[in-house]
Amino acid sequence: MQHASTLTVRYAETDMMGVVHHATYPVWFEVGRTELMERLGLPYTEVEARGYYLMLSGLNVEYRRAARYGDTLTLTTRLAQLRSRTMTFRYELHRGTELLATGETRHIATDRQYRPARLPQDVLHLFSAAAGGPDATLPDA
């Protein structure tokens, strides 16, 4: 399962030349991840209410083309890998058909004391279905 988010580049996200600052892309990835989780019926607030955090353990961004002030972008987010305690999301950012950036975030589930924790079975089942099965890795697009 994947989710497409529409983003419009705001002036505050750019430098003096109107080019999006590199630190903005991980913020956009969070938007995509949050919307995907909501679409799955498991908002992040519910995960936290159940006593779990999905802590960021890794981040990668590959910049290909510059996004600029005023651009309308499409961010595609998908759950690429799932384990009992970890998950990986992958991202593609486009302006029309032009690929601007790709990325990946890795997360580890922890309890409220920040100790690694196995996600509840119903949460794993929901995420597993989105990723294509237990411990699934989806092929790259």
N, C-alpha and C. Protein backbone atom coordinates (compact mmCIF):
# COMPACT_ATOMS: atom_id res chain seq x y z
N MET A 1 0.85 -1.18 0.00
CA MET A 1 0.00 0.00 0.00
C MET A 1 0.89 1.24 0.00
N GLN A 2 0.46 2.21 -0.74
CA GLN A 2 1.18 3.48 -0.73
C GLN A 2 0.18 4.61 -0.65
N HIS A 3 0.70 5.77 -0.28
CA HIS A 3 -0.15 6.94 -0.12
C HIS A 3 0.53 8.13 -0.80
N ALA A 4 -0.25 8.92 -1.53
CA ALA A 4 0.27 10.12 -2.18
C ALA A 4 -0.20 11.36 -1.43
N SER A 5 0.75 12.19 -1.03
CA SER A 5 0.47 13.46 -0.36
C SER A 5 0.80 14.59 -1.33
N THR A 6 -0.03 15.61 -1.36
CA THR A 6 0.24 16.79 -2.17
C THR A 6 0.81 17.87 -1.27
N LEU A 7 1.95 18.43 -1.69
CA LEU A 7 2.63 19.47 -0.92
C LEU A 7 2.84 20.68 -1.82
N THR A 8 2.69 21.85 -1.25
CA THR A 8 3.03 23.08 -1.96
C THR A 8 4.18 23.73 -1.20
N VAL A 9 5.27 24.01 -1.91
CA VAL A 9 6.46 24.55 -1.26
C VAL A 9 6.16 25.95 -0.74
N ARG A 10 6.36 26.13 0.56
CA ARG A 10 6.16 27.43 1.20
C ARG A 10 7.47 28.21 1.21
N TYR A 11 7.34 29.52 1.25
CA TYR A 11 8.52 30.39 1.24
C TYR A 11 9.45 30.06 2.41
N ALA A 12 8.90 29.76 3.57
CA ALA A 12 9.71 29.46 4.76
C ALA A 12 10.56 28.21 4.59
N GLU A 13 10.24 27.38 3.61
CA GLU A 13 10.99 26.13 3.39
C GLU A 13 12.15 26.32 2.42
N THR A 14 12.35 27.55 1.96
CA THR A 14 13.38 27.81 0.93
C THR A 14 14.49 28.72 1.45
N ASP A 15 15.56 28.74 0.67
CA ASP A 15 16.65 29.67 0.96
C ASP A 15 16.41 30.96 0.17
N MET A 16 17.37 31.85 0.17
CA MET A 16 17.19 33.15 -0.49
C MET A 16 17.03 33.02 -2.00
N MET A 17 17.43 31.87 -2.56
CA MET A 17 17.31 31.66 -4.00
C MET A 17 16.00 30.98 -4.37
N GLY A 18 15.16 30.71 -3.36
CA GLY A 18 13.88 30.07 -3.62
C GLY A 18 13.96 28.56 -3.76
N VAL A 19 15.11 27.98 -3.38
CA VAL A 19 15.31 26.53 -3.46
C VAL A 19 15.02 25.92 -2.09
N VAL A 20 14.32 24.79 -2.07
CA VAL A 20 13.98 24.14 -0.80
C VAL A 20 15.24 23.71 -0.08
N HIS A 21 15.31 24.04 1.21
CA HIS A 21 16.44 23.67 2.06
C HIS A 21 16.44 22.16 2.28
N HIS A 22 17.62 21.56 2.31
CA HIS A 22 17.73 20.10 2.42
C HIS A 22 17.07 19.53 3.68
N ALA A 23 16.99 20.31 4.74
CA ALA A 23 16.41 19.82 6.00
C ALA A 23 14.88 19.73 5.93
N THR A 24 14.28 20.26 4.89
CA THR A 24 12.82 20.22 4.75
C THR A 24 12.32 18.83 4.35
N TYR A 25 13.13 18.10 3.59
CA TYR A 25 12.68 16.81 3.06
C TYR A 25 12.30 15.81 4.16
N PRO A 26 13.08 15.66 5.23
CA PRO A 26 12.63 14.76 6.30
C PRO A 26 11.32 15.19 6.95
N VAL A 27 11.06 16.49 7.01
CA VAL A 27 9.78 16.98 7.54
C VAL A 27 8.65 16.54 6.62
N TRP A 28 8.87 16.64 5.31
CA TRP A 28 7.86 16.18 4.36
C TRP A 28 7.66 14.67 4.48
N PHE A 29 8.74 13.92 4.72
CA PHE A 29 8.60 12.47 4.89
C PHE A 29 7.68 12.17 6.07
N GLU A 30 7.80 12.96 7.13
CA GLU A 30 6.91 12.76 8.28
C GLU A 30 5.46 13.01 7.90
N VAL A 31 5.21 14.00 7.07
CA VAL A 31 3.84 14.27 6.60
C VAL A 31 3.31 13.03 5.89
N GLY A 32 4.09 12.48 4.97
CA GLY A 32 3.67 11.30 4.22
C GLY A 32 3.43 10.10 5.11
N ARG A 33 4.34 9.88 6.04
CA ARG A 33 4.23 8.74 6.98
C ARG A 33 2.99 8.88 7.85
N THR A 34 2.75 10.07 8.35
CA THR A 34 1.58 10.33 9.20
C THR A 34 0.29 10.09 8.43
N GLU A 35 0.23 10.60 7.20
CA GLU A 35 -0.97 10.41 6.38
C GLU A 35 -1.18 8.94 6.02
N LEU A 36 -0.09 8.21 5.74
CA LEU A 36 -0.20 6.78 5.43
C LEU A 36 -0.76 6.02 6.63
N MET A 37 -0.24 6.31 7.82
CA MET A 37 -0.71 5.63 9.03
C MET A 37 -2.18 5.94 9.28
N GLU A 38 -2.59 7.17 9.04
CA GLU A 38 -4.01 7.52 9.20
C GLU A 38 -4.87 6.76 8.20
N ARG A 39 -4.38 6.65 6.97
CA ARG A 39 -5.11 5.91 5.94
C ARG A 39 -5.24 4.43 6.31
N LEU A 40 -4.24 3.90 6.99
CA LEU A 40 -4.30 2.51 7.45
C LEU A 40 -5.26 2.33 8.62
N GLY A 41 -5.71 3.44 9.20
CA GLY A 41 -6.60 3.37 10.35
C GLY A 41 -5.87 3.28 11.67
N LEU A 42 -4.59 3.66 11.66
CA LEU A 42 -3.79 3.62 12.87
C LEU A 42 -3.01 4.92 13.02
N PRO A 43 -3.69 6.00 13.40
CA PRO A 43 -2.97 7.27 13.57
C PRO A 43 -1.86 7.12 14.61
N TYR A 44 -0.79 7.88 14.41
CA TYR A 44 0.35 7.79 15.32
C TYR A 44 -0.07 8.08 16.76
N THR A 45 -1.06 8.95 16.94
CA THR A 45 -1.54 9.25 18.30
C THR A 45 -2.08 8.00 18.99
N GLU A 46 -2.68 7.11 18.22
CA GLU A 46 -3.18 5.86 18.80
C GLU A 46 -2.03 4.93 19.19
N VAL A 47 -0.99 4.89 18.38
CA VAL A 47 0.19 4.09 18.71
C VAL A 47 0.76 4.57 20.05
N GLU A 48 0.91 5.88 20.20
CA GLU A 48 1.43 6.44 21.46
C GLU A 48 0.48 6.18 22.62
N ALA A 49 -0.82 6.30 22.39
CA ALA A 49 -1.80 6.07 23.46
C ALA A 49 -1.72 4.63 23.96
N ARG A 50 -1.29 3.73 23.09
CA ARG A 50 -1.16 2.32 23.48
C ARG A 50 0.19 2.03 24.14
N GLY A 51 1.02 3.06 24.28
CA GLY A 51 2.27 2.91 25.02
C GLY A 51 3.50 2.64 24.19
N TYR A 52 3.45 2.97 22.90
CA TYR A 52 4.58 2.70 22.00
C TYR A 52 5.01 3.98 21.30
N TYR A 53 6.31 4.02 21.00
CA TYR A 53 6.86 5.07 20.15
C TYR A 53 7.50 4.41 18.95
N LEU A 54 7.45 5.07 17.81
CA LEU A 54 8.15 4.59 16.62
C LEU A 54 9.33 5.53 16.40
N MET A 55 10.41 5.24 17.11
CA MET A 55 11.57 6.13 17.10
C MET A 55 12.35 6.00 15.80
N LEU A 56 12.80 7.13 15.30
CA LEU A 56 13.62 7.16 14.09
C LEU A 56 14.98 6.55 14.40
N SER A 57 15.38 5.55 13.62
CA SER A 57 16.70 4.95 13.82
C SER A 57 17.60 5.15 12.61
N GLY A 58 17.03 5.62 11.50
CA GLY A 58 17.84 5.88 10.33
C GLY A 58 17.10 6.75 9.33
N LEU A 59 17.86 7.54 8.60
CA LEU A 59 17.28 8.46 7.62
C LEU A 59 18.23 8.58 6.45
N ASN A 60 17.67 8.50 5.25
CA ASN A 60 18.47 8.69 4.04
C ASN A 60 17.65 9.51 3.06
N VAL A 61 18.30 10.49 2.44
CA VAL A 61 17.66 11.28 1.39
C VAL A 61 18.63 11.36 0.22
N GLU A 62 18.13 11.08 -0.97
CA GLU A 62 18.91 11.24 -2.20
C GLU A 62 18.27 12.39 -2.97
N TYR A 63 19.02 13.49 -3.11
CA TYR A 63 18.52 14.68 -3.80
C TYR A 63 18.89 14.57 -5.28
N ARG A 64 17.91 14.75 -6.16
CA ARG A 64 18.14 14.62 -7.59
C ARG A 64 17.96 15.95 -8.32
N ARG A 65 16.90 16.68 -7.98
CA ARG A 65 16.58 17.97 -8.59
C ARG A 65 16.07 18.90 -7.49
N ALA A 66 16.21 20.18 -7.70
CA ALA A 66 15.78 21.15 -6.70
C ALA A 66 14.27 21.38 -6.78
N ALA A 67 13.65 21.40 -5.62
CA ALA A 67 12.27 21.88 -5.51
C ALA A 67 12.36 23.37 -5.22
N ARG A 68 11.37 24.12 -5.71
CA ARG A 68 11.43 25.58 -5.59
C ARG A 68 10.13 26.14 -5.02
N TYR A 69 10.26 27.34 -4.49
CA TYR A 69 9.10 28.04 -3.93
C TYR A 69 7.93 28.02 -4.90
N GLY A 70 6.76 27.64 -4.38
CA GLY A 70 5.55 27.62 -5.17
C GLY A 70 5.27 26.32 -5.91
N ASP A 71 6.27 25.42 -5.99
CA ASP A 71 6.04 24.14 -6.67
C ASP A 71 4.95 23.35 -5.97
N THR A 72 4.17 22.63 -6.76
CA THR A 72 3.24 21.64 -6.23
C THR A 72 3.89 20.28 -6.42
N LEU A 73 4.04 19.56 -5.33
CA LEU A 73 4.77 18.30 -5.33
C LEU A 73 3.87 17.15 -4.90
N THR A 74 4.24 15.96 -5.33
CA THR A 74 3.56 14.75 -4.88
C THR A 74 4.58 13.87 -4.18
N LEU A 75 4.30 13.54 -2.93
CA LEU A 75 5.15 12.65 -2.14
C LEU A 75 4.44 11.32 -2.01
N THR A 76 5.07 10.27 -2.53
CA THR A 76 4.52 8.93 -2.40
C THR A 76 5.26 8.22 -1.27
N THR A 77 4.48 7.69 -0.33
CA THR A 77 5.04 7.02 0.85
C THR A 77 4.53 5.60 0.87
N ARG A 78 5.43 4.66 1.18
CA ARG A 78 4.99 3.27 1.34
C ARG A 78 5.78 2.59 2.44
N LEU A 79 5.15 1.63 3.05
CA LEU A 79 5.81 0.79 4.04
C LEU A 79 6.55 -0.28 3.27
N ALA A 80 7.88 -0.26 3.34
CA ALA A 80 8.70 -1.14 2.51
C ALA A 80 9.14 -2.40 3.24
N GLN A 81 9.27 -2.32 4.55
CA GLN A 81 9.75 -3.48 5.30
C GLN A 81 9.16 -3.45 6.70
N LEU A 82 8.83 -4.62 7.21
CA LEU A 82 8.24 -4.73 8.54
C LEU A 82 8.81 -5.93 9.27
N ARG A 83 9.19 -5.70 10.49
CA ARG A 83 9.60 -6.76 11.41
C ARG A 83 8.81 -6.53 12.70
N SER A 84 8.97 -7.40 13.67
CA SER A 84 8.18 -7.28 14.90
C SER A 84 8.48 -6.01 15.68
N ARG A 85 9.70 -5.48 15.53
CA ARG A 85 10.10 -4.28 16.27
C ARG A 85 10.55 -3.13 15.38
N THR A 86 10.70 -3.37 14.09
CA THR A 86 11.22 -2.34 13.20
C THR A 86 10.39 -2.23 11.93
N MET A 87 10.48 -1.06 11.31
CA MET A 87 9.82 -0.85 10.03
C MET A 87 10.60 0.17 9.22
N THR A 88 10.46 0.07 7.91
CA THR A 88 11.12 0.98 6.99
C THR A 88 10.08 1.55 6.04
N PHE A 89 10.10 2.87 5.91
CA PHE A 89 9.23 3.56 4.96
C PHE A 89 10.11 4.11 3.84
N ARG A 90 9.57 4.08 2.61
CA ARG A 90 10.29 4.65 1.46
C ARG A 90 9.44 5.76 0.86
N TYR A 91 10.16 6.73 0.28
CA TYR A 91 9.52 7.95 -0.22
C TYR A 91 10.04 8.30 -1.61
N GLU A 92 9.14 8.83 -2.44
CA GLU A 92 9.51 9.42 -3.72
C GLU A 92 8.82 10.76 -3.83
N LEU A 93 9.58 11.78 -4.19
CA LEU A 93 9.04 13.13 -4.33
C LEU A 93 9.11 13.54 -5.79
N HIS A 94 7.96 13.91 -6.35
CA HIS A 94 7.88 14.31 -7.76
C HIS A 94 7.29 15.71 -7.91
N ARG A 95 7.74 16.38 -8.95
CA ARG A 95 7.09 17.59 -9.45
C ARG A 95 6.59 17.18 -10.83
N GLY A 96 5.28 16.94 -10.92
CA GLY A 96 4.74 16.35 -12.15
C GLY A 96 5.33 14.96 -12.32
N THR A 97 5.99 14.71 -13.45
CA THR A 97 6.61 13.41 -13.69
C THR A 97 8.10 13.41 -13.33
N GLU A 98 8.62 14.55 -12.94
CA GLU A 98 10.06 14.68 -12.64
C GLU A 98 10.36 14.24 -11.21
N LEU A 99 11.24 13.25 -11.07
CA LEU A 99 11.65 12.76 -9.76
C LEU A 99 12.65 13.74 -9.15
N LEU A 100 12.29 14.29 -7.98
CA LEU A 100 13.16 15.26 -7.31
C LEU A 100 14.01 14.64 -6.23
N ALA A 101 13.45 13.68 -5.50
CA ALA A 101 14.19 13.08 -4.38
C ALA A 101 13.58 11.73 -4.03
N THR A 102 14.42 10.89 -3.45
CA THR A 102 13.96 9.63 -2.87
C THR A 102 14.50 9.57 -1.46
N GLY A 103 13.90 8.73 -0.65
CA GLY A 103 14.39 8.63 0.72
C GLY A 103 13.85 7.41 1.43
N GLU A 104 14.35 7.26 2.64
CA GLU A 104 13.97 6.12 3.47
C GLU A 104 14.12 6.53 4.93
N THR A 105 13.16 6.10 5.74
CA THR A 105 13.32 6.24 7.19
C THR A 105 13.14 4.87 7.81
N ARG A 106 13.96 4.58 8.81
CA ARG A 106 13.86 3.33 9.56
C ARG A 106 13.45 3.69 10.98
N HIS A 107 12.58 2.86 11.54
CA HIS A 107 12.02 3.13 12.85
C HIS A 107 12.08 1.87 13.71
N ILE A 108 12.26 2.08 15.01
CA ILE A 108 12.21 0.98 15.96
C ILE A 108 11.11 1.28 16.97
N ALA A 109 10.31 0.27 17.26
CA ALA A 109 9.25 0.43 18.26
C ALA A 109 9.87 0.32 19.65
N THR A 110 9.47 1.24 20.52
CA THR A 110 9.93 1.19 21.91
C THR A 110 8.73 1.36 22.83
N ASP A 111 8.95 0.98 24.10
CA ASP A 111 7.92 1.25 25.09
C ASP A 111 8.16 2.66 25.63
N ARG A 112 7.41 3.05 26.64
CA ARG A 112 7.53 4.43 27.16
C ARG A 112 8.85 4.69 27.88
N GLN A 113 9.58 3.61 28.19
CA GLN A 113 10.90 3.77 28.81
C GLN A 113 12.00 3.71 27.74
N TYR A 114 11.60 3.77 26.47
CA TYR A 114 12.51 3.77 25.32
C TYR A 114 13.27 2.46 25.15
N ARG A 115 12.71 1.37 25.66
CA ARG A 115 13.30 0.04 25.43
C ARG A 115 12.64 -0.56 24.20
N PRO A 116 13.43 -1.22 23.33
CA PRO A 116 12.82 -1.87 22.17
C PRO A 116 11.68 -2.78 22.61
N ALA A 117 10.59 -2.74 21.83
CA ALA A 117 9.41 -3.51 22.19
C ALA A 117 8.76 -4.08 20.94
N ARG A 118 8.24 -5.28 21.09
CA ARG A 118 7.49 -5.90 19.99
C ARG A 118 6.13 -5.21 19.89
N LEU A 119 5.76 -4.85 18.67
CA LEU A 119 4.45 -4.22 18.45
C LEU A 119 3.34 -5.23 18.72
N PRO A 120 2.18 -4.76 19.17
CA PRO A 120 1.05 -5.67 19.40
C PRO A 120 0.66 -6.39 18.11
N GLN A 121 0.11 -7.58 18.25
CA GLN A 121 -0.22 -8.42 17.10
C GLN A 121 -1.18 -7.73 16.13
N ASP A 122 -2.18 -7.01 16.63
CA ASP A 122 -3.13 -6.37 15.72
C ASP A 122 -2.46 -5.26 14.91
N VAL A 123 -1.49 -4.56 15.52
CA VAL A 123 -0.75 -3.51 14.82
C VAL A 123 0.14 -4.15 13.76
N LEU A 124 0.83 -5.23 14.13
CA LEU A 124 1.67 -5.93 13.16
C LEU A 124 0.83 -6.45 11.99
N HIS A 125 -0.34 -6.96 12.28
CA HIS A 125 -1.22 -7.48 11.23
C HIS A 125 -1.61 -6.35 10.26
N LEU A 126 -1.98 -5.21 10.79
CA LEU A 126 -2.38 -4.08 9.97
C LEU A 126 -1.22 -3.61 9.09
N PHE A 127 -0.05 -3.43 9.69
CA PHE A 127 1.12 -3.00 8.94
C PHE A 127 1.56 -4.08 7.95
N SER A 128 1.46 -5.33 8.35
CA SER A 128 1.85 -6.43 7.49
C SER A 128 1.02 -6.46 6.22
N ALA A 129 -0.27 -6.24 6.35
CA ALA A 129 -1.14 -6.21 5.18
C ALA A 129 -0.73 -5.07 4.24
N ALA A 130 -0.34 -3.93 4.81
CA ALA A 130 0.09 -2.78 4.00
C ALA A 130 1.41 -3.06 3.31
N ALA A 131 2.26 -3.87 3.94
CA ALA A 131 3.60 -4.15 3.37
C ALA A 131 3.60 -5.40 2.50
N GLY A 132 2.49 -6.10 2.42
CA GLY A 132 2.43 -7.25 1.53
C GLY A 132 2.67 -8.57 2.22
N GLY A 133 2.56 -8.65 3.55
CA GLY A 133 2.69 -9.92 4.27
C GLY A 133 3.70 -9.83 5.38
N PRO A 134 3.76 -10.86 6.24
CA PRO A 134 4.68 -10.85 7.38
C PRO A 134 6.13 -10.72 6.92
N ASP A 135 6.86 -9.86 7.58
CA ASP A 135 8.27 -9.62 7.29
C ASP A 135 8.51 -9.36 5.79
N ALA A 136 7.56 -8.70 5.18
CA ALA A 136 7.64 -8.47 3.73
C ALA A 136 8.55 -7.32 3.38
N THR A 137 9.20 -7.44 2.27
CA THR A 137 9.94 -6.34 1.68
C THR A 137 9.35 -6.12 0.30
N LEU A 138 8.84 -4.93 0.05
CA LEU A 138 8.24 -4.65 -1.26
C LEU A 138 9.34 -4.34 -2.25
N PRO A 139 9.16 -4.72 -3.50
CA PRO A 139 10.18 -4.41 -4.51
C PRO A 139 10.25 -2.90 -4.73
N ASP A 140 11.42 -2.43 -5.11
CA ASP A 140 11.59 -1.00 -5.42
C ASP A 140 10.78 -0.68 -6.66
N ALA A 141 10.24 0.55 -6.66
CA ALA A 141 9.42 0.96 -7.82
C ALA A 141 10.30 1.26 -9.01
